[in-house]
Every structure is written in structure tokens, then in C-alpha cells.
């Protein structure tokens, strides 16, 4: 059966429509609390593609792969995204999913155990490459007030919100402030997950999709990403995949055509992990009939977990990461040193990224390399974030529409804080900050006369002397 036929059969089921409404926060389109719906899968965020929830049926009739806005009218949504990434076999999750999902299971077990420890019971979804966990923090709750209080003093500017008739300006204010606080807490949760699962995972587990070297398990460059990158962008630009929706990423991204496997990948649907094991879930997600049957018995209303969030926030407040965040926020940006002024003082790999920031500095691995080298050079984290921000704002690098919706300040501050924070708390011992690993990761551009060992020693010294 053709993929399009399977999609149509799922979307014509009235129970699937009801499940969509549940996930959107209501029993009718008019009652839904999600602010908008839009395309998913391989599409750069586009303001012109966001639609009011009242056009949901139209999107279903057109067979869209549907996302809902992370921005909500009545609550703040917490979202944790786990993905398997294979840099040598990028279609592995689609054509041979058993092993990629088996490799993710230790991470999923740790997440479920730790969230349960806090009393958080999220909605758990299975996607094409991994898992989503999502829960609500209600308006006027103590947890939301605590998140608002965590908003940094030097909060990076968001992006301009367009006039689209969807009340984005009116709705995003208080939620955007709480979202800044939530980003700090979710970073702490990601630290806890990574630190715990590193003992049992057969492949590297990183926060965001960082390039890795060849592993001993199959010799491929593969990893598990704890993807919290959404917290580095304005809330109104971020979305969550709808359960029971089509998963079209391998086709729409061009991956399937590029690999010549467009006809061999089965249809994929996002499904909730409702009373089924992983083997069953992988089978259900490829079947229109079984996906529809699951929609008849599995609610996907996002659970409210404000009380559990209070426990998570309390743990964060007593952590070494909180200590680093406070130090980061209290630092002045410092003098306006430009990247071009330091390019001659960093190793060739970092210099090449600085000279070719579009798109190397947009990649987490490129950002981490630059942050590590500038910290080793004696730069302060917020000063480094300011340097990266100015690069992102430099129109000579032909960013195109990259920053039409996203924020250069938020992106630069998020990744600088993320990578510096892992070094400061010893979560990142920088064991891959060497020439061999950098070559395997694909970030060595000119190996002549380069040796990263002295840079590793300098970076380690910044931590040992409490400069971070």
C-alpha cells in the first residue's frame, strides 16, 4: 500500500481528530489552548505556514504532518526530546529501527525513573527517530511563579513577533519570561540524565546532537541526543509533533531521495506509548490500522504536573549548575572583542569555524569547539556569548532568513551557557578535545602544525582554578 493511502486512512478516522483536539488542549477547535498548528518535518520555521487551530480539518484533509505550538494560552509546556542520530547511516531509524531504539532504551529508562522520582508523569510519544516527553505547568501555580523568578537579569532579547492575527504578541509575554526559567531547569534535568546514563549507554549520550567519533559498537558515528535546543529560541517559534500525525521527515528533508530509499521506507506515524512495549510500538507506528486502533483507546491529553515541577526546581536550586548559572548571569559582557581579533590566537580547527560561521557556527559541534577554545584562551562565558552574537548579526555572512524569527542573542547565550556549564560542573571532561576525535567528528579542516593537547590543558586549568 502506498504511503499516501495509509496517511489518508488514519486522518479520516473521527477518533484521530478527537485525539488531535485533546493534544491541542480542548474538546473542540474553539476550546483548544494551543495557539497555532503548522507543518512539521524538515521545514524551516515559517510564519506564513502557521494556521489557527480552527483550520485543523483543512490540514488533515491535505495530509499535513502536523505540529502544535509550544506556546499555549493556559499553561507553560515542558518538553524533552530524545533522538538517535547516526552520522554514517542517517536513515537507520527508518529502515532498521530495532537497534537504534534498543540503544535509546537506557536513556528512556533513566528519564522515566528520574521524572517519577520528582512525581512527574508525562505524556510519552514515540516518533520516527526517538521519544518525546511533554507535560503542563499551569497558570497561577507555585511552579510557574518559581520559573518566573528564575528569569535571568541579563535576559537575551527575543525576536520580533510578526502580525499574523493569532494573538502572539498578547500571549507570549509572561510565558516567554517563564520559558527562560524553564530552560535553566530543563538544562539541569538534561545534566542529570546524561550523568546517570553515561554509566550504561553503549553509545555517546550528549546534550544536543553533537558530532561524535567512531564507536566500538558497530564502528559507526552514532549517538543519543538529549535535545533541549528548543530552549535556545523564542517560545513562539517552537512546536511539538502531534500524536497520530504523519511522520514525513525522511521524505520532506530530501534524505529518502538522496539515498534512493523513498519507496522502501514504510509509512510512519507518531504514537503514544500507551500500554505497549517498544517492539509493539515500532510495529504500530508503521500501520494505519493499528495506529487508528490505538487512537480508539489511548488519550493524549497533556498531563498537568505543576507539583512535580516544584520538586525538580527545588533540586535545581541546590545544584552546582545553579551556582554556575548565577555566576554566568552576574558577569558583565565585557569589552566588545570581535571574533576576527582572536582568530590568529586559536587552533586551526576553531579558526576555520570562525572564518566560515555560516553554517559551521550554527552547528552545536562548531559552537562547542569555539567556546572551548575561547575559554582556554581566557575568555569569560558571557563575553564569548556576546562575540558569537555579533557574528550572528553580521550581515556579511549572508544569513538569509535565518534570524527572521529566531534570536541571535538567545541562540548564542543558550549554547555558550550550555557548553561552559558542562565544563564547570565536570559533566564535560573534554576527553574528545583532541586531534584524533576532532578529525573523526569532521571538524578538522587543516591538521598541519596543530595540536589540541595544550588547549585541553588550558581549558582544564580554567576549571581547576574556579574561573568557570
Protein backbone atom coordinates (compact mmCIF):
# COMPACT_ATOMS: atom_id res chain seq x y z
CA UNK A 1 0.00 0.00 0.00
CA UNK A 2 1.28 3.45 -0.88
CA UNK A 3 2.30 5.75 1.97
CA UNK A 4 -0.24 8.41 0.95
CA UNK A 5 -3.09 5.92 1.17
CA UNK A 6 -2.10 4.92 4.70
CA UNK A 7 -1.97 8.59 5.72
CA UNK A 8 -5.43 9.25 4.35
CA UNK A 9 -6.91 6.26 6.17
CA UNK A 10 -5.64 7.46 9.54
CA UNK A 11 -6.75 11.06 9.11
CA UNK A 12 -10.30 10.16 8.11
CA UNK A 13 -10.92 8.38 11.42
CA UNK A 14 -13.03 10.63 13.73
CA UNK A 15 -11.23 9.26 16.81
CA UNK A 16 -7.91 10.56 15.46
CA UNK A 17 -9.48 14.00 15.10
CA UNK A 18 -10.66 13.81 18.73
CA UNK A 19 -7.16 12.83 19.87
CA UNK A 20 -5.75 15.81 17.98
CA UNK A 21 -8.13 18.11 19.86
CA UNK A 22 -7.07 16.57 23.19
CA UNK A 23 -3.43 17.29 22.45
CA UNK A 24 -4.36 20.83 21.43
CA UNK A 25 -5.93 21.36 24.85
CA UNK A 26 -9.68 21.21 24.21
CA UNK A 27 -12.66 19.15 23.15
CA UNK A 28 -13.42 21.44 20.20
CA UNK A 29 -11.29 23.59 17.94
CA UNK A 30 -12.71 26.68 19.63
CA UNK A 31 -11.76 25.39 23.11
CA UNK A 32 -8.21 24.44 22.13
CA UNK A 33 -5.48 26.21 24.11
CA UNK A 34 -2.69 25.69 21.56
CA UNK A 35 -2.12 28.97 19.75
CA UNK A 36 -1.48 27.55 16.28
CA UNK A 37 -0.81 24.45 14.20
CA UNK A 38 1.71 24.14 11.39
CA UNK A 39 3.82 21.85 9.18
CA UNK A 40 6.43 19.57 10.71
CA UNK A 41 9.34 17.57 9.30
CA UNK A 42 12.29 19.18 7.65
CA UNK A 43 10.67 22.58 7.24
CA UNK A 44 12.43 25.71 8.47
CA UNK A 45 10.02 27.54 10.77
CA UNK A 46 7.87 29.76 8.58
CA UNK A 47 5.47 32.38 9.92
CA UNK A 48 3.42 32.11 6.74
CA UNK A 49 2.81 28.40 7.44
CA UNK A 50 1.26 28.80 10.89
CA UNK A 51 -2.50 28.33 10.97
CA UNK A 52 -5.19 28.87 13.62
CA UNK A 53 -6.44 25.67 15.22
CA UNK A 54 -9.81 26.25 13.53
CA UNK A 55 -8.13 25.17 10.28
CA UNK A 56 -7.16 21.77 11.69
CA UNK A 57 -9.57 19.81 9.49
CA UNK A 58 -8.18 21.51 6.39
CA UNK A 59 -4.66 20.44 7.35
CA UNK A 60 -5.84 16.88 7.89
CA UNK A 61 -7.60 16.81 4.53
CA UNK A 62 -4.37 17.93 2.86
CA UNK A 63 -2.41 15.19 4.65
CA UNK A 64 -0.12 17.53 6.57
CA UNK A 65 2.43 16.28 9.05
CA UNK A 66 1.11 18.41 11.89
CA UNK A 67 2.79 20.19 14.81
CA UNK A 68 1.17 22.27 17.52
CA UNK A 69 2.68 25.41 19.02
CA UNK A 70 4.68 25.06 22.21
CA UNK A 71 3.06 28.37 23.11
CA UNK A 72 -0.25 27.77 24.89
CA UNK A 73 -2.99 30.07 26.15
CA UNK A 74 -3.47 28.47 29.57
CA UNK A 75 -0.20 26.83 30.60
CA UNK A 76 3.53 26.50 30.05
CA UNK A 77 4.54 23.26 28.33
CA UNK A 78 7.70 21.40 29.31
CA UNK A 79 9.10 19.25 26.53
CA UNK A 80 12.01 16.80 26.43
CA UNK A 81 13.12 15.34 23.09
CA UNK A 82 15.35 12.25 22.77
CA UNK A 83 16.71 11.20 19.37
CA UNK A 84 19.08 8.62 17.91
CA UNK A 85 21.50 10.25 15.46
CA UNK A 86 23.75 8.31 13.09
CA UNK A 87 26.17 10.43 11.05
CA UNK A 88 27.16 7.49 8.84
CA UNK A 89 23.73 5.86 8.33
CA UNK A 90 21.20 8.69 8.75
CA UNK A 91 18.25 6.52 7.69
CA UNK A 92 18.90 3.76 10.24
CA UNK A 93 15.88 4.67 12.39
CA UNK A 94 13.55 4.34 9.41
CA UNK A 95 14.80 1.19 7.66
CA UNK A 96 16.15 -0.83 10.62
CA UNK A 97 14.66 0.77 13.74
CA UNK A 98 15.11 -2.08 16.23
CA UNK A 99 18.76 -1.42 17.07
CA UNK A 100 18.53 2.43 17.23
CA UNK A 101 15.59 2.22 19.62
CA UNK A 102 17.27 -0.51 21.66
CA UNK A 103 20.27 1.82 22.09
CA UNK A 104 17.96 4.56 23.34
CA UNK A 105 16.29 2.38 25.96
CA UNK A 106 18.80 3.02 28.79
CA UNK A 107 18.22 6.76 28.34
CA UNK A 108 14.45 6.31 28.35
CA UNK A 109 14.64 4.15 31.49
CA UNK A 110 16.64 6.85 33.29
CA UNK A 111 14.25 9.60 32.19
CA UNK A 112 11.19 7.69 33.39
CA UNK A 113 12.89 6.84 36.68
CA UNK A 114 14.04 10.40 37.36
CA UNK A 115 10.75 12.04 36.39
CA UNK A 116 8.91 9.54 38.61
CA UNK A 117 11.27 10.48 41.44
CA UNK A 118 10.00 14.06 41.15
CA UNK A 119 6.39 12.94 40.79
CA UNK A 120 6.18 13.96 37.11
CA UNK A 121 4.10 11.68 34.86
CA UNK A 122 4.48 12.99 31.29
CA UNK A 123 2.80 12.07 28.05
CA UNK A 124 5.28 9.79 26.28
CA UNK A 125 5.30 9.72 22.47
CA UNK A 126 7.29 7.59 20.01
CA UNK A 127 8.46 9.44 16.88
CA UNK A 128 10.45 8.49 13.80
CA UNK A 129 13.85 8.88 15.48
CA UNK A 130 13.13 8.81 19.18
CA UNK A 131 10.87 9.89 22.02
CA UNK A 132 9.05 12.99 23.23
CA UNK A 133 8.04 13.65 26.84
CA UNK A 134 5.64 16.52 27.44
CA UNK A 135 3.74 17.92 30.45
CA UNK A 136 1.96 21.09 31.60
CA UNK A 137 2.75 23.71 34.23
CA UNK A 138 -0.49 25.51 34.96
CA UNK A 139 -1.08 29.22 35.15
CA UNK A 140 -1.02 30.70 38.68
CA UNK A 141 0.81 27.65 40.08
CA UNK A 142 3.70 27.96 42.54
CA UNK A 143 5.91 26.22 40.00
CA UNK A 144 5.20 28.85 37.36
CA UNK A 145 5.91 31.64 39.86
CA UNK A 146 9.25 29.99 40.68
CA UNK A 147 10.15 29.78 36.99
CA UNK A 148 9.29 33.44 36.51
CA UNK A 149 11.60 34.30 39.39
CA UNK A 150 14.45 32.45 37.63
CA UNK A 151 14.38 34.77 34.62
CA UNK A 152 17.98 35.99 34.21
CA UNK A 153 18.84 39.62 34.97
CA UNK A 154 20.60 39.83 31.62
CA UNK A 155 17.86 38.09 29.66
CA UNK A 156 18.77 37.89 25.96
CA UNK A 157 16.39 39.62 23.59
CA UNK A 158 13.89 37.50 21.71
CA UNK A 159 12.85 38.03 18.11
CA UNK A 160 10.23 40.41 16.76
CA UNK A 161 6.80 38.81 16.68
CA UNK A 162 5.01 39.29 13.34
CA UNK A 163 1.47 40.48 12.88
CA UNK A 164 -0.37 37.31 11.98
CA UNK A 165 -3.74 37.75 13.72
CA UNK A 166 -3.03 34.91 16.14
CA UNK A 167 -2.61 36.96 19.32
CA UNK A 168 1.05 36.01 19.55
CA UNK A 169 2.04 39.37 20.99
CA UNK A 170 -0.58 39.29 23.73
CA UNK A 171 0.06 35.68 24.69
CA UNK A 172 3.83 35.31 24.66
CA UNK A 173 4.77 37.92 27.33
CA UNK A 174 4.52 36.13 30.67
CA UNK A 175 5.03 32.71 29.09
CA UNK A 176 8.25 33.86 27.41
CA UNK A 177 9.61 35.02 30.79
CA UNK A 178 8.73 31.69 32.40
CA UNK A 179 10.22 29.89 29.40
CA UNK A 180 13.62 31.45 30.19
CA UNK A 181 13.39 29.99 33.70
CA UNK A 182 12.23 26.63 32.35
CA UNK A 183 15.26 26.48 30.06
CA UNK A 184 17.57 26.55 33.10
CA UNK A 185 15.67 23.76 34.85
CA UNK A 186 15.49 21.57 31.74
CA UNK A 187 19.24 22.05 31.30
CA UNK A 188 19.66 20.73 34.85
CA UNK A 189 17.42 17.74 34.07
CA UNK A 190 19.47 17.02 30.95
CA UNK A 191 22.64 17.10 33.10
CA UNK A 192 21.14 14.57 35.50
CA UNK A 193 20.10 12.25 32.68
CA UNK A 194 23.46 12.41 30.91
CA UNK A 195 25.47 11.91 34.11
CA UNK A 196 23.43 8.84 35.10
CA UNK A 197 23.11 7.12 31.73
CA UNK A 198 26.78 7.55 30.80
CA UNK A 199 27.45 4.52 33.00
CA UNK A 200 25.22 2.17 30.99
CA UNK A 201 24.89 3.50 27.42
CA UNK A 202 26.74 1.68 24.64
CA UNK A 203 26.94 4.88 22.56
CA UNK A 204 27.70 8.51 23.49
CA UNK A 205 24.85 10.46 25.09
CA UNK A 206 25.14 14.20 24.56
CA UNK A 207 23.02 17.27 25.21
CA UNK A 208 22.02 18.31 21.65
CA UNK A 209 23.16 16.50 18.51
CA UNK A 210 26.93 16.83 18.76
CA UNK A 211 29.16 15.15 16.20
CA UNK A 212 30.92 12.12 17.67
CA UNK A 213 33.75 9.84 16.66
CA UNK A 214 33.55 6.19 15.65
CA UNK A 215 32.24 3.93 18.37
CA UNK A 216 33.22 0.41 19.35
CA UNK A 217 29.64 -0.77 18.92
CA UNK A 218 29.49 -1.24 15.15
CA UNK A 219 32.18 1.31 14.34
CA UNK A 220 29.66 3.97 13.29
CA UNK A 221 29.47 7.60 14.36
CA UNK A 222 26.24 7.34 16.31
CA UNK A 223 24.89 8.94 19.46
CA UNK A 224 21.80 9.67 21.54
CA UNK A 225 20.81 13.32 21.72
CA UNK A 226 19.08 14.81 24.75
CA UNK A 227 17.73 17.59 22.58
CA UNK A 228 16.86 20.70 24.56
CA UNK A 229 17.79 23.05 21.70
CA UNK A 230 14.25 24.45 21.60
CA UNK A 231 15.08 26.39 24.77
CA UNK A 232 17.60 28.42 22.78
CA UNK A 233 14.88 30.02 20.63
CA UNK A 234 11.86 32.24 21.33
CA UNK A 235 8.92 30.27 22.71
CA UNK A 236 6.52 31.37 19.98
CA UNK A 237 8.71 29.78 17.27
CA UNK A 238 8.84 26.28 18.75
CA UNK A 239 6.47 23.40 18.11
CA UNK A 240 5.72 19.81 19.19
CA UNK A 241 4.78 16.95 16.91
CA UNK A 242 1.14 15.83 17.17
CA UNK A 243 0.49 12.22 18.22
CA UNK A 244 -1.14 10.13 15.47
CA UNK A 245 0.14 12.54 12.81
CA UNK A 246 2.13 11.57 9.73
CA UNK A 247 5.90 11.48 10.14
CA UNK A 248 7.26 12.66 6.78
CA UNK A 249 10.76 13.80 7.73
CA UNK A 250 12.79 11.31 5.62
CA UNK A 251 10.84 12.33 2.52
CA UNK A 252 10.45 16.07 3.07
CA UNK A 253 14.06 16.57 4.18
CA UNK A 254 15.26 15.01 0.91
CA UNK A 255 17.06 12.21 2.76
CA UNK A 256 14.98 9.39 1.26
CA UNK A 257 15.53 10.58 -2.32
CA UNK A 258 19.22 11.25 -1.74
CA UNK A 259 19.72 7.67 -0.51
CA UNK A 260 17.40 6.16 -3.11
CA UNK A 261 15.10 4.62 -0.48
CA UNK A 262 11.95 6.73 -0.89
CA UNK A 263 9.84 3.70 -1.80
CA UNK A 264 11.32 1.31 0.74
CA UNK A 265 10.65 3.27 3.94
CA UNK A 266 7.26 2.30 5.38
CA UNK A 267 4.68 4.85 6.46
CA UNK A 268 5.44 6.22 9.93
CA UNK A 269 3.05 7.73 12.48
CA UNK A 270 3.80 9.33 15.82
CA UNK A 271 2.14 7.20 18.51
CA UNK A 272 1.74 7.39 22.30
CA UNK A 273 3.43 4.74 24.42
CA UNK A 274 0.11 3.62 25.88
CA UNK A 275 0.17 0.12 27.41
CA UNK A 276 2.52 -1.21 24.72
CA UNK A 277 6.17 -2.23 24.73
CA UNK A 278 8.77 -0.95 22.29
CA UNK A 279 8.52 -3.89 19.90
CA UNK A 280 4.77 -3.40 19.62
CA UNK A 281 5.09 0.38 19.30
CA UNK A 282 7.51 0.06 16.38
CA UNK A 283 5.04 -2.22 14.64
CA UNK A 284 2.04 0.02 15.37
CA UNK A 285 3.73 3.18 14.06
CA UNK A 286 4.06 1.58 10.58
CA UNK A 287 0.42 0.51 10.32
CA UNK A 288 -2.55 2.77 9.57
CA UNK A 289 -5.00 0.23 11.01
CA UNK A 290 -3.07 -0.32 14.24
CA UNK A 291 -2.47 3.42 14.67
CA UNK A 292 -6.20 4.05 14.33
CA UNK A 293 -6.95 1.26 16.78
CA UNK A 294 -4.58 2.82 19.30
CA UNK A 295 -6.35 6.18 18.86
CA UNK A 296 -9.59 4.47 19.95
CA UNK A 297 -8.16 3.58 23.38
CA UNK A 298 -5.28 5.98 24.16
CA UNK A 299 -5.85 9.52 25.40
CA UNK A 300 -3.17 12.07 24.54
CA UNK A 301 -4.30 14.93 26.76
CA UNK A 302 -1.14 16.57 28.10
CA UNK A 303 -0.97 15.97 31.88
CA UNK A 304 -0.66 18.83 34.37
CA UNK A 305 2.41 18.29 36.58
CA UNK A 306 2.99 21.55 38.45
CA UNK A 307 3.57 19.91 41.84
CA UNK A 308 6.24 17.59 40.48
CA UNK A 309 7.89 20.56 38.79
CA UNK A 310 8.26 22.24 42.19
CA UNK A 311 10.39 19.31 43.36
CA UNK A 312 12.52 19.46 40.21
CA UNK A 313 13.01 23.22 40.61
CA UNK A 314 14.00 22.76 44.27
CA UNK A 315 16.65 20.23 43.25
CA UNK A 316 17.96 22.58 40.60
CA UNK A 317 18.23 25.43 43.11
CA UNK A 318 20.62 23.35 45.26
CA UNK A 319 22.79 22.24 42.35
CA UNK A 320 26.26 23.21 41.15
CA UNK A 321 24.68 24.09 37.81
CA UNK A 322 22.54 26.74 39.53
CA UNK A 323 25.72 28.14 41.05
CA UNK A 324 27.25 28.39 37.57
CA UNK A 325 24.08 29.97 36.12
CA UNK A 326 24.11 32.67 38.79
CA UNK A 327 27.76 33.37 38.11
CA UNK A 328 27.11 33.49 34.38
CA UNK A 329 24.21 35.90 34.81
CA UNK A 330 26.14 38.19 37.16
CA UNK A 331 29.10 38.66 34.83
CA UNK A 332 29.38 41.78 32.67
CA UNK A 333 29.54 41.16 28.95
CA UNK A 334 32.97 42.78 28.98
CA UNK A 335 34.73 44.66 26.19
CA UNK A 336 33.42 44.20 22.67
CA UNK A 337 36.12 41.88 21.37
CA UNK A 338 35.36 40.72 17.85
CA UNK A 339 35.89 37.17 16.62
CA UNK A 340 38.22 38.48 13.93
CA UNK A 341 40.54 39.74 16.67
CA UNK A 342 41.10 36.27 18.15
CA UNK A 343 41.21 34.14 15.02
CA UNK A 344 45.03 34.17 14.95
CA UNK A 345 45.22 33.00 18.57
CA UNK A 346 43.11 29.82 18.38
CA UNK A 347 43.93 26.43 16.80
CA UNK A 348 43.23 25.99 13.06
CA UNK A 349 40.01 24.00 13.59
CA UNK A 350 38.43 26.80 15.63
CA UNK A 351 39.85 29.48 13.34
CA UNK A 352 38.21 27.83 10.31
CA UNK A 353 34.83 27.79 12.07
CA UNK A 354 35.22 31.47 12.99
CA UNK A 355 36.09 32.34 9.39
CA UNK A 356 33.21 30.22 8.00
CA UNK A 357 30.43 30.66 10.58
CA UNK A 358 27.61 30.03 8.13
CA UNK A 359 26.85 27.29 8.77
CA UNK A 360 29.65 25.84 10.95
CA UNK A 361 28.95 28.11 13.92
CA UNK A 362 25.26 27.23 13.75
CA UNK A 363 26.11 23.58 14.39
CA UNK A 364 26.37 22.54 18.05
CA UNK A 365 29.79 20.95 17.47
CA UNK A 366 31.12 24.10 15.84
CA UNK A 367 29.79 26.22 18.67
CA UNK A 368 31.30 23.90 21.29
CA UNK A 369 34.73 23.97 19.64
CA UNK A 370 34.77 27.78 19.59
CA UNK A 371 33.50 28.02 23.19
CA UNK A 372 36.12 25.55 24.43
CA UNK A 373 38.98 27.36 22.68
CA UNK A 374 37.90 30.83 23.79
CA UNK A 375 37.51 29.64 27.39
CA UNK A 376 41.01 28.16 27.19
CA UNK A 377 42.22 31.48 25.83
CA UNK A 378 40.88 33.20 28.96
CA UNK A 379 37.53 34.45 27.69
CA UNK A 380 34.58 34.72 30.06
CA UNK A 381 31.37 32.85 29.12
CA UNK A 382 29.13 35.91 28.72
CA UNK A 383 31.85 37.71 26.81
CA UNK A 384 32.07 34.73 24.45
CA UNK A 385 28.27 34.74 24.01
CA UNK A 386 28.50 38.41 23.06
CA UNK A 387 31.19 37.69 20.48
CA UNK A 388 29.09 34.93 18.92
CA UNK A 389 26.00 37.15 18.92
CA UNK A 390 27.84 39.82 16.93
CA UNK A 391 28.89 37.20 14.36
CA UNK A 392 25.27 36.07 14.01
CA UNK A 393 24.21 39.69 13.48
CA UNK A 394 26.89 40.37 10.88
CA UNK A 395 25.02 40.52 7.56
CA UNK A 396 28.22 39.99 5.58
CA UNK A 397 27.90 36.26 6.37
CA UNK A 398 24.70 36.04 4.29
CA UNK A 399 22.45 34.55 6.94
CA UNK A 400 19.41 34.99 4.68
CA UNK A 401 16.19 34.46 6.64
CA UNK A 402 17.92 32.57 9.47
CA UNK A 403 17.19 35.32 12.00
CA UNK A 404 13.78 36.44 10.71
CA UNK A 405 12.08 34.52 13.54
CA UNK A 406 14.93 33.28 15.70
CA UNK A 407 17.08 35.38 18.05
CA UNK A 408 20.88 35.68 17.63
CA UNK A 409 21.22 36.66 21.31
CA UNK A 410 19.16 33.75 22.63
CA UNK A 411 20.93 31.21 20.44
CA UNK A 412 24.43 32.44 21.32
CA UNK A 413 23.70 32.68 25.06
CA UNK A 414 21.98 29.30 25.21
CA UNK A 415 24.79 27.31 23.59
CA UNK A 416 27.60 29.19 25.31
CA UNK A 417 25.94 28.67 28.70
CA UNK A 418 25.19 25.02 27.85
CA UNK A 419 28.74 24.07 26.90
CA UNK A 420 30.51 26.19 29.53
CA UNK A 421 28.14 24.86 32.21
CA UNK A 422 29.03 21.25 31.44
CA UNK A 423 32.73 22.07 31.78
CA UNK A 424 32.19 23.98 35.02
CA UNK A 425 30.23 21.12 36.63
CA UNK A 426 32.62 18.43 35.33
CA UNK A 427 29.92 16.82 33.22
CA UNK A 428 32.18 17.51 30.25
CA UNK A 429 35.76 16.45 30.97
CA UNK A 430 36.56 17.29 27.30
CA UNK A 431 38.04 13.84 26.65
CA UNK A 432 37.25 14.31 22.94
CA UNK A 433 39.03 17.70 22.83
CA UNK A 434 41.92 16.21 20.86
CA UNK A 435 43.02 15.99 17.25
CA UNK A 436 42.01 12.37 16.58
CA UNK A 437 38.46 12.85 17.88
CA UNK A 438 38.10 16.18 16.07
CA UNK A 439 39.13 14.52 12.81
CA UNK A 440 36.61 11.69 13.30
CA UNK A 441 33.89 14.24 14.08
CA UNK A 442 34.56 16.03 10.78
CA UNK A 443 35.71 19.28 12.37
CA UNK A 444 39.42 19.15 11.49
CA UNK A 445 39.95 21.42 8.47
CA UNK A 446 43.73 21.87 8.43
CA UNK A 447 45.78 19.48 10.54
CA UNK A 448 49.19 20.95 9.68
CA UNK A 449 51.05 22.09 12.77
CA UNK A 450 48.02 21.66 15.04
CA UNK A 451 48.00 20.03 18.45
CA UNK A 452 44.97 20.38 20.74
CA UNK A 453 46.65 18.91 23.83
CA UNK A 454 47.93 22.29 25.11
CA UNK A 455 44.44 23.70 24.59
CA UNK A 456 42.91 20.85 26.61
CA UNK A 457 45.38 21.60 29.41
CA UNK A 458 44.47 25.30 29.36
CA UNK A 459 40.75 24.51 29.38
CA UNK A 460 41.17 22.11 32.29
CA UNK A 461 43.10 24.78 34.21
CA UNK A 462 40.23 27.27 33.89
CA UNK A 463 38.01 24.82 35.73
CA UNK A 464 40.59 23.79 38.31
CA UNK A 465 41.25 27.42 39.23
CA UNK A 466 37.50 28.07 39.59
CA UNK A 467 37.47 30.54 36.70
CA UNK A 468 34.27 28.89 35.49
